[in-house]
Amino acid sequence: MNKRTKVIVLFIAISISLILSIFSFAKYTSNYVHGYYLKSKGFYFESDTLKNDKNIANMLWDGDSVSFTLKNYSNENLITDYDIRYDLACEVLTKNIEASCTLNDTKKNNVSLVLSSNAQCINDKKDNVDVSKLNKTECEVGGYTWKKEKVNQINSFNISFKNENDKNKEIDVKITASSTSPYKKTLSAIYKLQKNEKSSGDILSTSKIYGSINEYIITNTYNENKCLLIKFNSSNRVLDVTSDTTNLGYDSNNYVNQFKILLEANSTKKVVFFPRSTASNLLVNDVVISQSSGCNYYWTNMSIMLW
């Protein structure tokens, strides 16, 4: 490859990177502006779990229905005071499993629902007047307080397998909630479910590769908290250090090669690794997990002190 060709290739690579960056920024800006617009209209269509295709790993799934909640508020003061109509959809993403997903104990994977508002007149003057039947206008004209109530609506989905042998395989399910009236907003999440009939007594781990990222999902099925020591080949992989990964150990090159993590009873946590170099192979299982003690709470306590 001559010098001129190298310059052209470099120019093309930079141009592509610039275009992708502009596209990502434009998408972020558009989402931000749209979110600000909805808030200005007092529109709050929220969920603690359905958030921009958020991955939710459940390695302790018992095969029963999985519940999730939609709500009409952002906090105690930001509450929608009108009904929200929305469509709910459920989709099985795993291609090598024949399974169907249904919603709210129906036989459908798409349903239309209403998140109804709830409000009432409050007699904060305590003048012995019955205000329970007053509408918003009558309430406020009378000098009373019209209080909007937070509403939580619980939904659920079920998975049915066509083949009995597929029941113990991991399955990915996407849940999407899209408001249709009075404003449009989409919430979604991808549930990664692994059926586990054992109620207690195991430390389970699952390794997933996404491009150059290795997600290591660790599950504690004991009915008590467990402190785990995790060792790995630091010449092959790099740990994404978080507040969960404590008591770090280092190799002779000062690279992290072990850490401890606290898993509460019947809970799951995710650890992320990156390749050390282009020659690294994250498919190689060089991660060793063992039970330990003395998990350090330094980061958690520090966070509490900062608050």
C-alpha atoms as a PDB file:
ATOM      1  CA  MET A   1       0.000   0.000   0.000  1.00  0.00           C
ATOM      2  CA  ASN A   2       1.596   3.305  -1.124  1.00  0.00           C
ATOM      3  CA  LYS A   3       1.525   6.556   0.813  1.00  0.00           C
ATOM      4  CA  ARG A   4      -1.305   8.071  -1.239  1.00  0.00           C
ATOM      5  CA  THR A   5      -3.523   5.021  -0.689  1.00  0.00           C
ATOM      6  CA  LYS A   6      -2.841   5.106   3.067  1.00  0.00           C
ATOM      7  CA  VAL A   7      -3.892   8.765   3.201  1.00  0.00           C
ATOM      8  CA  ILE A   8      -7.122   7.986   1.355  1.00  0.00           C
ATOM      9  CA  VAL A   9      -7.926   5.048   3.673  1.00  0.00           C
ATOM     10  CA  LEU A  10      -7.187   7.192   6.738  1.00  0.00           C
ATOM     11  CA  PHE A  11      -9.395   9.987   5.397  1.00  0.00           C
ATOM     12  CA  ILE A  12     -12.273   7.568   4.789  1.00  0.00           C
ATOM     13  CA  ALA A  13     -11.925   6.081   8.304  1.00  0.00           C
ATOM     14  CA  ILE A  14     -11.935   9.531   9.908  1.00  0.00           C
ATOM     15  CA  SER A  15     -14.945  10.572   7.813  1.00  0.00           C
ATOM     16  CA  ILE A  16     -16.911   7.484   8.850  1.00  0.00           C
ATOM     17  CA  SER A  17     -16.073   8.057  12.523  1.00  0.00           C
ATOM     18  CA  LEU A  18     -17.128  11.691  12.246  1.00  0.00           C
ATOM     19  CA  ILE A  19     -20.428  10.784  10.586  1.00  0.00           C
ATOM     20  CA  LEU A  20     -21.198   8.161  13.241  1.00  0.00           C
ATOM     21  CA  SER A  21     -20.366  10.658  16.008  1.00  0.00           C
ATOM     22  CA  ILE A  22     -22.631  13.300  14.459  1.00  0.00           C
ATOM     23  CA  PHE A  23     -25.426  10.733  14.075  1.00  0.00           C
ATOM     24  CA  SER A  24     -25.082   9.588  17.703  1.00  0.00           C
ATOM     25  CA  PHE A  25     -25.044  13.185  18.979  1.00  0.00           C
ATOM     26  CA  ALA A  26     -28.068  14.090  16.839  1.00  0.00           C
ATOM     27  CA  LYS A  27     -29.962  11.072  18.172  1.00  0.00           C
ATOM     28  CA  TYR A  28     -29.033  11.982  21.766  1.00  0.00           C
ATOM     29  CA  THR A  29     -30.080  15.610  21.220  1.00  0.00           C
ATOM     30  CA  SER A  30     -33.370  14.557  19.633  1.00  0.00           C
ATOM     31  CA  ASN A  31     -34.182  12.217  22.530  1.00  0.00           C
ATOM     32  CA  TYR A  32     -33.272  14.913  25.062  1.00  0.00           C
ATOM     33  CA  VAL A  33     -35.451  17.548  23.376  1.00  0.00           C
ATOM     34  CA  HIS A  34     -38.358  15.104  23.064  1.00  0.00           C
ATOM     35  CA  GLY A  35     -38.038  14.164  26.736  1.00  0.00           C
ATOM     36  CA  TYR A  36     -37.986  17.818  27.760  1.00  0.00           C
ATOM     37  CA  TYR A  37     -41.090  18.473  25.634  1.00  0.00           C
ATOM     38  CA  LEU A  38     -43.019  15.623  27.294  1.00  0.00           C
ATOM     39  CA  LYS A  39     -42.101  16.850  30.763  1.00  0.00           C
ATOM     40  CA  SER A  40     -43.270  20.359  29.866  1.00  0.00           C
ATOM     41  CA  LYS A  41     -46.688  18.829  29.122  1.00  0.00           C
ATOM     42  CA  GLY A  42     -46.805  17.049  32.475  1.00  0.00           C
ATOM     43  CA  PHE A  43     -46.452  13.681  30.723  1.00  0.00           C
ATOM     44  CA  TYR A  44     -44.720  10.996  32.778  1.00  0.00           C
ATOM     45  CA  PHE A  45     -44.780   7.486  31.346  1.00  0.00           C
ATOM     46  CA  GLU A  46     -42.128   5.625  33.309  1.00  0.00           C
ATOM     47  CA  SER A  47     -40.905   2.232  34.479  1.00  0.00           C
ATOM     48  CA  ASP A  48     -38.173   1.052  36.846  1.00  0.00           C
ATOM     49  CA  THR A  49     -37.216  -1.776  34.468  1.00  0.00           C
ATOM     50  CA  LEU A  50     -38.219  -0.816  30.902  1.00  0.00           C
ATOM     51  CA  LYS A  51     -35.490   1.633  29.898  1.00  0.00           C
ATOM     52  CA  ASN A  52     -33.994   1.865  26.376  1.00  0.00           C
ATOM     53  CA  ASP A  53     -33.488  -1.868  25.750  1.00  0.00           C
ATOM     54  CA  LYS A  54     -31.913  -2.310  29.179  1.00  0.00           C
ATOM     55  CA  ASN A  55     -30.638  -5.879  29.696  1.00  0.00           C
ATOM     56  CA  ILE A  56     -32.202  -7.605  32.693  1.00  0.00           C
ATOM     57  CA  ALA A  57     -30.560 -10.907  33.606  1.00  0.00           C
ATOM     58  CA  ASN A  58     -32.508 -13.398  35.693  1.00  0.00           C
ATOM     59  CA  MET A  59     -30.611 -16.655  36.175  1.00  0.00           C
ATOM     60  CA  LEU A  60     -33.063 -17.705  38.906  1.00  0.00           C
ATOM     61  CA  TRP A  61     -36.170 -17.741  36.719  1.00  0.00           C
ATOM     62  CA  ASP A  62     -38.612 -20.398  37.904  1.00  0.00           C
ATOM     63  CA  GLY A  63     -40.484 -20.582  34.591  1.00  0.00           C
ATOM     64  CA  ASP A  64     -43.507 -18.664  35.904  1.00  0.00           C
ATOM     65  CA  SER A  65     -44.755 -15.271  34.767  1.00  0.00           C
ATOM     66  CA  VAL A  66     -42.410 -12.280  34.988  1.00  0.00           C
ATOM     67  CA  SER A  67     -43.876  -9.030  36.303  1.00  0.00           C
ATOM     68  CA  PHE A  68     -42.951  -5.427  35.514  1.00  0.00           C
ATOM     69  CA  THR A  69     -44.519  -2.107  36.447  1.00  0.00           C
ATOM     70  CA  LEU A  70     -45.494   0.970  34.449  1.00  0.00           C
ATOM     71  CA  LYS A  71     -46.242   4.215  36.229  1.00  0.00           C
ATOM     72  CA  ASN A  72     -47.567   7.711  35.571  1.00  0.00           C
ATOM     73  CA  TYR A  73     -45.051   9.667  37.633  1.00  0.00           C
ATOM     74  CA  SER A  74     -41.392  10.550  37.895  1.00  0.00           C
ATOM     75  CA  ASN A  75     -41.374  11.429  41.595  1.00  0.00           C
ATOM     76  CA  GLU A  76     -43.706  12.565  44.387  1.00  0.00           C
ATOM     77  CA  ASN A  77     -44.359  15.916  42.707  1.00  0.00           C
ATOM     78  CA  LEU A  78     -44.220  15.076  38.992  1.00  0.00           C
ATOM     79  CA  ILE A  79     -47.425  13.125  38.326  1.00  0.00           C
ATOM     80  CA  THR A  80     -49.542  12.930  35.159  1.00  0.00           C
ATOM     81  CA  ASP A  81     -53.159  13.949  35.774  1.00  0.00           C
ATOM     82  CA  TYR A  82     -54.703  12.415  32.635  1.00  0.00           C
ATOM     83  CA  ASP A  83     -55.081   8.923  31.203  1.00  0.00           C
ATOM     84  CA  ILE A  84     -52.240   7.420  29.148  1.00  0.00           C
ATOM     85  CA  ARG A  85     -53.102   4.943  26.402  1.00  0.00           C
ATOM     86  CA  TYR A  86     -50.362   2.563  25.349  1.00  0.00           C
ATOM     87  CA  ASP A  87     -49.567  -0.609  23.414  1.00  0.00           C
ATOM     88  CA  LEU A  88     -47.651  -3.431  25.049  1.00  0.00           C
ATOM     89  CA  ALA A  89     -45.687  -5.971  22.997  1.00  0.00           C
ATOM     90  CA  CYS A  90     -43.719  -9.091  23.828  1.00  0.00           C
ATOM     91  CA  GLU A  91     -41.197 -10.718  21.464  1.00  0.00           C
ATOM     92  CA  VAL A  92     -38.920 -13.756  21.777  1.00  0.00           C
ATOM     93  CA  LEU A  93     -35.512 -12.756  20.368  1.00  0.00           C
ATOM     94  CA  THR A  94     -33.678 -16.083  20.685  1.00  0.00           C
ATOM     95  CA  LYS A  95     -33.690 -17.673  17.231  1.00  0.00           C
ATOM     96  CA  ASN A  96     -32.816 -21.283  18.054  1.00  0.00           C
ATOM     97  CA  ILE A  97     -35.712 -21.787  20.485  1.00  0.00           C
ATOM     98  CA  GLU A  98     -39.338 -22.336  19.497  1.00  0.00           C
ATOM     99  CA  ALA A  99     -41.264 -20.403  22.118  1.00  0.00           C
ATOM    100  CA  SER A 100     -44.111 -17.933  22.369  1.00  0.00           C
ATOM    101  CA  CYS A 101     -44.582 -14.950  24.650  1.00  0.00           C
ATOM    102  CA  THR A 102     -47.982 -13.838  25.937  1.00  0.00           C
ATOM    103  CA  LEU A 103     -49.032 -10.860  28.046  1.00  0.00           C
ATOM    104  CA  ASN A 104     -51.157 -10.479  31.179  1.00  0.00           C
ATOM    105  CA  ASP A 105     -52.515 -14.062  31.155  1.00  0.00           C
ATOM    106  CA  THR A 106     -53.973 -13.618  27.657  1.00  0.00           C
ATOM    107  CA  LYS A 107     -53.082 -15.550  24.510  1.00  0.00           C
ATOM    108  CA  LYS A 108     -51.784 -12.388  22.871  1.00  0.00           C
ATOM    109  CA  ASN A 109     -48.309 -10.925  22.464  1.00  0.00           C
ATOM    110  CA  ASN A 110     -49.752  -7.461  21.748  1.00  0.00           C
ATOM    111  CA  VAL A 111     -52.325  -5.703  23.919  1.00  0.00           C
ATOM    112  CA  SER A 112     -53.672  -2.147  24.213  1.00  0.00           C
ATOM    113  CA  LEU A 113     -54.047  -0.765  27.721  1.00  0.00           C
ATOM    114  CA  VAL A 114     -54.804   2.417  29.655  1.00  0.00           C
ATOM    115  CA  LEU A 115     -52.790   3.793  32.540  1.00  0.00           C
ATOM    116  CA  SER A 116     -55.627   5.643  34.243  1.00  0.00           C
ATOM    117  CA  SER A 117     -55.024   8.798  36.245  1.00  0.00           C
ATOM    118  CA  ASN A 118     -56.276   9.125  39.775  1.00  0.00           C
ATOM    119  CA  ALA A 119     -56.844  12.320  41.750  1.00  0.00           C
ATOM    120  CA  GLN A 120     -59.018  13.523  44.583  1.00  0.00           C
ATOM    121  CA  CYS A 121     -60.008  16.671  46.405  1.00  0.00           C
ATOM    122  CA  ILE A 122     -58.368  17.088  49.805  1.00  0.00           C
ATOM    123  CA  ASN A 123     -59.936  19.189  52.547  1.00  0.00           C
ATOM    124  CA  ASP A 124     -56.766  20.626  54.042  1.00  0.00           C
ATOM    125  CA  LYS A 125     -58.783  23.453  55.638  1.00  0.00           C
ATOM    126  CA  LYS A 126     -60.447  20.870  57.905  1.00  0.00           C
ATOM    127  CA  ASP A 127     -63.774  22.751  57.892  1.00  0.00           C
ATOM    128  CA  ASN A 128     -65.893  19.566  58.061  1.00  0.00           C
ATOM    129  CA  VAL A 129     -67.046  19.960  54.434  1.00  0.00           C
ATOM    130  CA  ASP A 130     -67.346  16.718  52.437  1.00  0.00           C
ATOM    131  CA  VAL A 131     -65.205  17.351  49.355  1.00  0.00           C
ATOM    132  CA  SER A 132     -64.955  13.742  48.147  1.00  0.00           C
ATOM    133  CA  LYS A 133     -67.356  14.284  45.213  1.00  0.00           C
ATOM    134  CA  LEU A 134     -65.978  17.621  44.003  1.00  0.00           C
ATOM    135  CA  ASN A 135     -64.320  17.792  40.600  1.00  0.00           C
ATOM    136  CA  LYS A 136     -61.043  19.625  40.009  1.00  0.00           C
ATOM    137  CA  THR A 137     -62.630  22.998  39.274  1.00  0.00           C
ATOM    138  CA  GLU A 138     -65.072  22.846  42.181  1.00  0.00           C
ATOM    139  CA  CYS A 139     -62.277  21.734  44.490  1.00  0.00           C
ATOM    140  CA  GLU A 140     -59.902  24.567  43.607  1.00  0.00           C
ATOM    141  CA  VAL A 141     -62.642  27.242  43.519  1.00  0.00           C
ATOM    142  CA  GLY A 142     -63.644  26.167  46.998  1.00  0.00           C
ATOM    143  CA  GLY A 143     -60.098  26.750  48.189  1.00  0.00           C
ATOM    144  CA  TYR A 144     -59.302  23.080  48.654  1.00  0.00           C
ATOM    145  CA  THR A 145     -56.376  21.057  47.275  1.00  0.00           C
ATOM    146  CA  TRP A 146     -56.673  18.874  44.194  1.00  0.00           C
ATOM    147  CA  LYS A 147     -54.148  16.088  44.757  1.00  0.00           C
ATOM    148  CA  LYS A 148     -52.857  13.894  41.947  1.00  0.00           C
ATOM    149  CA  GLU A 149     -52.216  10.290  42.965  1.00  0.00           C
ATOM    150  CA  LYS A 150     -49.330   8.117  41.792  1.00  0.00           C
ATOM    151  CA  VAL A 151     -50.489   5.090  39.817  1.00  0.00           C
ATOM    152  CA  ASN A 152     -48.531   1.858  39.431  1.00  0.00           C
ATOM    153  CA  GLN A 153     -49.841  -0.653  36.906  1.00  0.00           C
ATOM    154  CA  ILE A 154     -48.429  -4.182  37.131  1.00  0.00           C
ATOM    155  CA  ASN A 155     -48.136  -6.185  33.908  1.00  0.00           C
ATOM    156  CA  SER A 156     -46.627  -9.608  33.271  1.00  0.00           C
ATOM    157  CA  PHE A 157     -45.524 -11.973  30.534  1.00  0.00           C
ATOM    158  CA  ASN A 158     -45.340 -15.750  30.199  1.00  0.00           C
ATOM    159  CA  ILE A 159     -43.120 -17.956  28.050  1.00  0.00           C
ATOM    160  CA  SER A 160     -44.409 -21.202  26.532  1.00  0.00           C
ATOM    161  CA  PHE A 161     -41.930 -23.635  24.970  1.00  0.00           C
ATOM    162  CA  LYS A 162     -42.875 -25.871  22.058  1.00  0.00           C
ATOM    163  CA  ASN A 163     -40.086 -28.351  22.788  1.00  0.00           C
ATOM    164  CA  GLU A 164     -39.521 -29.706  26.289  1.00  0.00           C
ATOM    165  CA  ASN A 165     -35.737 -29.708  25.789  1.00  0.00           C
ATOM    166  CA  ASP A 166     -35.695 -25.938  25.314  1.00  0.00           C
ATOM    167  CA  LYS A 167     -37.052 -25.152  28.760  1.00  0.00           C
ATOM    168  CA  ASN A 168     -33.618 -25.149  30.394  1.00  0.00           C
ATOM    169  CA  LYS A 169     -31.958 -22.964  27.745  1.00  0.00           C
ATOM    170  CA  GLU A 170     -31.377 -19.251  28.150  1.00  0.00           C
ATOM    171  CA  ILE A 171     -33.987 -17.194  26.321  1.00  0.00           C
ATOM    172  CA  ASP A 172     -34.049 -13.472  25.457  1.00  0.00           C
ATOM    173  CA  VAL A 173     -37.404 -11.697  25.537  1.00  0.00           C
ATOM    174  CA  LYS A 174     -38.043  -8.081  24.546  1.00  0.00           C
ATOM    175  CA  ILE A 175     -40.847  -6.128  26.202  1.00  0.00           C
ATOM    176  CA  THR A 176     -41.907  -2.832  24.605  1.00  0.00           C
ATOM    177  CA  ALA A 177     -44.432  -0.321  25.944  1.00  0.00           C
ATOM    178  CA  SER A 178     -45.365   2.465  23.505  1.00  0.00           C
ATOM    179  CA  SER A 179     -47.712   5.248  24.548  1.00  0.00           C
ATOM    180  CA  THR A 180     -50.152   6.294  21.821  1.00  0.00           C
ATOM    181  CA  SER A 181     -52.164   9.063  23.481  1.00  0.00           C
ATOM    182  CA  PRO A 182     -51.943  11.895  24.287  1.00  0.00           C
ATOM    183  CA  TYR A 183     -48.176  11.778  23.524  1.00  0.00           C
ATOM    184  CA  LYS A 184     -45.790   9.173  22.137  1.00  0.00           C
ATOM    185  CA  LYS A 185     -42.991   7.596  24.144  1.00  0.00           C
ATOM    186  CA  THR A 186     -41.397   4.134  24.004  1.00  0.00           C
ATOM    187  CA  LEU A 187     -40.051   2.093  26.920  1.00  0.00           C
ATOM    188  CA  SER A 188     -38.336  -1.264  26.481  1.00  0.00           C
ATOM    189  CA  ALA A 189     -36.143  -3.918  28.064  1.00  0.00           C
ATOM    190  CA  ILE A 190     -34.584  -7.237  27.090  1.00  0.00           C
ATOM    191  CA  TYR A 191     -35.044  -9.970  29.681  1.00  0.00           C
ATOM    192  CA  LYS A 192     -32.364 -12.679  29.663  1.00  0.00           C
ATOM    193  CA  LEU A 193     -33.999 -15.625  31.389  1.00  0.00           C
ATOM    194  CA  GLN A 194     -32.393 -18.881  32.483  1.00  0.00           C
ATOM    195  CA  LYS A 195     -34.633 -21.417  34.161  1.00  0.00           C
ATOM    196  CA  ASN A 196     -33.240 -22.728  37.423  1.00  0.00           C
ATOM    197  CA  GLU A 197     -35.273 -25.227  39.394  1.00  0.00           C
ATOM    198  CA  LYS A 198     -32.790 -25.341  42.274  1.00  0.00           C
ATOM    199  CA  SER A 199     -34.055 -23.112  45.063  1.00  0.00           C
ATOM    200  CA  SER A 200     -30.747 -22.738  46.890  1.00  0.00           C
ATOM    201  CA  GLY A 201     -27.192 -23.939  47.278  1.00  0.00           C
ATOM    202  CA  ASP A 202     -25.236 -22.939  44.155  1.00  0.00           C
ATOM    203  CA  ILE A 203     -23.024 -20.232  42.678  1.00  0.00           C
ATOM    204  CA  LEU A 204     -23.854 -20.117  38.970  1.00  0.00           C
ATOM    205  CA  SER A 205     -22.054 -18.230  36.215  1.00  0.00           C
ATOM    206  CA  THR A 206     -22.762 -17.503  32.556  1.00  0.00           C
ATOM    207  CA  SER A 207     -20.341 -15.917  30.089  1.00  0.00           C
ATOM    208  CA  LYS A 208     -21.626 -13.858  27.138  1.00  0.00           C
ATOM    209  CA  ILE A 209     -19.578 -12.220  24.372  1.00  0.00           C
ATOM    210  CA  TYR A 210     -20.820  -9.029  22.693  1.00  0.00           C
ATOM    211  CA  GLY A 211     -18.180  -7.862  20.224  1.00  0.00           C
ATOM    212  CA  SER A 212     -15.143  -6.985  22.340  1.00  0.00           C
ATOM    213  CA  ILE A 213     -17.093  -7.119  25.622  1.00  0.00           C
ATOM    214  CA  ASN A 214     -17.388 -10.170  27.857  1.00  0.00           C
ATOM    215  CA  GLU A 215     -20.317 -10.059  30.285  1.00  0.00           C
ATOM    216  CA  TYR A 216     -19.849 -12.492  33.166  1.00  0.00           C
ATOM    217  CA  ILE A 217     -23.164 -13.002  34.976  1.00  0.00           C
ATOM    218  CA  ILE A 218     -22.834 -14.517  38.457  1.00  0.00           C
ATOM    219  CA  THR A 219     -25.797 -15.794  40.476  1.00  0.00           C
ATOM    220  CA  ASN A 220     -26.040 -16.690  44.150  1.00  0.00           C
ATOM    221  CA  THR A 221     -28.854 -19.212  44.745  1.00  0.00           C
ATOM    222  CA  TYR A 222     -28.034 -19.606  48.439  1.00  0.00           C
ATOM    223  CA  ASN A 223     -30.451 -18.167  50.981  1.00  0.00           C
ATOM    224  CA  GLU A 224     -27.613 -16.150  52.467  1.00  0.00           C
ATOM    225  CA  ASN A 225     -25.137 -13.524  51.245  1.00  0.00           C
ATOM    226  CA  LYS A 226     -21.906 -14.799  49.700  1.00  0.00           C
ATOM    227  CA  CYS A 227     -18.491 -13.160  49.367  1.00  0.00           C
ATOM    228  CA  LEU A 228     -16.808 -14.438  46.201  1.00  0.00           C
ATOM    229  CA  LEU A 229     -13.165 -14.327  45.132  1.00  0.00           C
ATOM    230  CA  ILE A 230     -12.754 -14.121  41.348  1.00  0.00           C
ATOM    231  CA  LYS A 231      -9.388 -14.687  39.681  1.00  0.00           C
ATOM    232  CA  PHE A 232      -8.576 -14.334  35.970  1.00  0.00           C
ATOM    233  CA  ASN A 233      -5.718 -14.201  33.477  1.00  0.00           C
ATOM    234  CA  SER A 234      -4.728 -10.515  33.457  1.00  0.00           C
ATOM    235  CA  SER A 235      -2.612 -10.975  30.311  1.00  0.00           C
ATOM    236  CA  ASN A 236      -5.794 -11.934  28.448  1.00  0.00           C
ATOM    237  CA  ARG A 237      -8.484  -9.680  29.888  1.00  0.00           C
ATOM    238  CA  VAL A 238      -9.046  -6.326  31.633  1.00  0.00           C
ATOM    239  CA  LEU A 239     -11.609  -5.864  34.395  1.00  0.00           C
ATOM    240  CA  ASP A 240     -14.149  -3.035  34.270  1.00  0.00           C
ATOM    241  CA  VAL A 241     -13.738  -1.889  37.876  1.00  0.00           C
ATOM    242  CA  THR A 242     -16.985  -0.780  39.553  1.00  0.00           C
ATOM    243  CA  SER A 243     -18.238  -0.201  43.079  1.00  0.00           C
ATOM    244  CA  ASP A 244     -19.145  -3.917  43.238  1.00  0.00           C
ATOM    245  CA  THR A 245     -15.607  -5.142  42.495  1.00  0.00           C
ATOM    246  CA  THR A 246     -13.543  -4.649  45.662  1.00  0.00           C
ATOM    247  CA  ASN A 247     -10.368  -6.022  47.298  1.00  0.00           C
ATOM    248  CA  LEU A 248      -8.450  -5.798  44.039  1.00  0.00           C
ATOM    249  CA  GLY A 249      -5.324  -7.959  43.586  1.00  0.00           C
ATOM    250  CA  TYR A 250      -2.520  -7.262  41.085  1.00  0.00           C
ATOM    251  CA  ASP A 251       0.028  -9.227  39.064  1.00  0.00           C
ATOM    252  CA  SER A 252       3.748  -8.402  38.672  1.00  0.00           C
ATOM    253  CA  ASN A 253       2.908  -5.842  35.949  1.00  0.00           C
ATOM    254  CA  ASN A 254       0.459  -4.079  38.253  1.00  0.00           C
ATOM    255  CA  TYR A 255      -2.552  -5.343  36.290  1.00  0.00           C
ATOM    256  CA  VAL A 256      -5.683  -6.366  38.217  1.00  0.00           C
ATOM    257  CA  ASN A 257      -5.913 -10.166  38.241  1.00  0.00           C
ATOM    258  CA  GLN A 258      -8.408 -10.818  41.038  1.00  0.00           C
ATOM    259  CA  PHE A 259     -11.146  -9.145  43.050  1.00  0.00           C
ATOM    260  CA  LYS A 260     -13.950  -9.868  45.480  1.00  0.00           C
ATOM    261  CA  ILE A 261     -17.652  -9.278  45.007  1.00  0.00           C
ATOM    262  CA  LEU A 262     -20.554  -9.512  47.438  1.00  0.00           C
ATOM    263  CA  LEU A 263     -23.703 -11.251  46.191  1.00  0.00           C
ATOM    264  CA  GLU A 264     -26.793 -11.002  48.325  1.00  0.00           C
ATOM    265  CA  ALA A 265     -28.993 -14.065  48.831  1.00  0.00           C
ATOM    266  CA  ASN A 266     -30.810 -15.164  45.645  1.00  0.00           C
ATOM    267  CA  SER A 267     -29.378 -12.357  43.556  1.00  0.00           C
ATOM    268  CA  THR A 268     -27.444 -11.815  40.325  1.00  0.00           C
ATOM    269  CA  LYS A 269     -24.653  -9.390  39.398  1.00  0.00           C
ATOM    270  CA  LYS A 270     -22.818  -8.701  36.158  1.00  0.00           C
ATOM    271  CA  VAL A 271     -19.057  -8.266  35.731  1.00  0.00           C
ATOM    272  CA  VAL A 272     -17.600  -6.887  32.478  1.00  0.00           C
ATOM    273  CA  PHE A 273     -14.211  -7.763  30.943  1.00  0.00           C
ATOM    274  CA  PHE A 274     -12.398  -6.264  27.945  1.00  0.00           C
ATOM    275  CA  PRO A 275      -9.589  -7.860  25.871  1.00  0.00           C
ATOM    276  CA  ARG A 276      -6.047  -6.960  26.950  1.00  0.00           C
ATOM    277  CA  SER A 277      -4.860  -6.824  23.325  1.00  0.00           C
ATOM    278  CA  THR A 278      -5.854  -7.801  19.798  1.00  0.00           C
ATOM    279  CA  ALA A 279      -4.400 -11.243  20.509  1.00  0.00           C
ATOM    280  CA  SER A 280      -6.679 -11.774  23.513  1.00  0.00           C
ATOM    281  CA  ASN A 281      -9.342 -14.458  23.370  1.00  0.00           C
ATOM    282  CA  LEU A 282     -12.289 -13.818  25.685  1.00  0.00           C
ATOM    283  CA  LEU A 283     -13.821 -17.143  24.657  1.00  0.00           C
ATOM    284  CA  VAL A 284     -11.151 -18.879  26.745  1.00  0.00           C
ATOM    285  CA  ASN A 285     -12.566 -19.606  30.186  1.00  0.00           C
ATOM    286  CA  ASP A 286      -9.759 -18.333  32.423  1.00  0.00           C
ATOM    287  CA  VAL A 287     -12.096 -17.030  35.154  1.00  0.00           C
ATOM    288  CA  VAL A 288     -12.091 -18.960  38.449  1.00  0.00           C
ATOM    289  CA  ILE A 289     -14.760 -18.285  41.087  1.00  0.00           C
ATOM    290  CA  SER A 290     -14.519 -19.445  44.689  1.00  0.00           C
ATOM    291  CA  GLN A 291     -16.248 -18.602  47.941  1.00  0.00           C
ATOM    292  CA  SER A 292     -14.308 -16.326  50.256  1.00  0.00           C
ATOM    293  CA  SER A 293     -14.786 -13.859  53.086  1.00  0.00           C
ATOM    294  CA  GLY A 294     -13.943 -10.297  53.995  1.00  0.00           C
ATOM    295  CA  CYS A 295     -15.582  -8.470  51.102  1.00  0.00           C
ATOM    296  CA  ASN A 296     -14.558  -4.849  51.496  1.00  0.00           C
ATOM    297  CA  TYR A 297     -17.394  -2.310  51.767  1.00  0.00           C
ATOM    298  CA  TYR A 298     -15.080   0.688  51.270  1.00  0.00           C
ATOM    299  CA  TRP A 299     -16.712   1.968  48.088  1.00  0.00           C
ATOM    300  CA  THR A 300     -20.274   1.541  49.414  1.00  0.00           C
ATOM    301  CA  ASN A 301     -19.457   3.270  52.696  1.00  0.00           C
ATOM    302  CA  MET A 302     -17.629   6.026  50.859  1.00  0.00           C
ATOM    303  CA  SER A 303     -20.680   6.631  48.653  1.00  0.00           C
ATOM    304  CA  ILE A 304     -22.880   6.859  51.733  1.00  0.00           C
ATOM    305  CA  MET A 305     -20.508   9.372  53.363  1.00  0.00           C
ATOM    306  CA  LEU A 306     -20.462  11.504  50.220  1.00  0.00           C
ATOM    307  CA  TRP A 307     -24.208  11.709  50.323  1.00  0.00           C
END
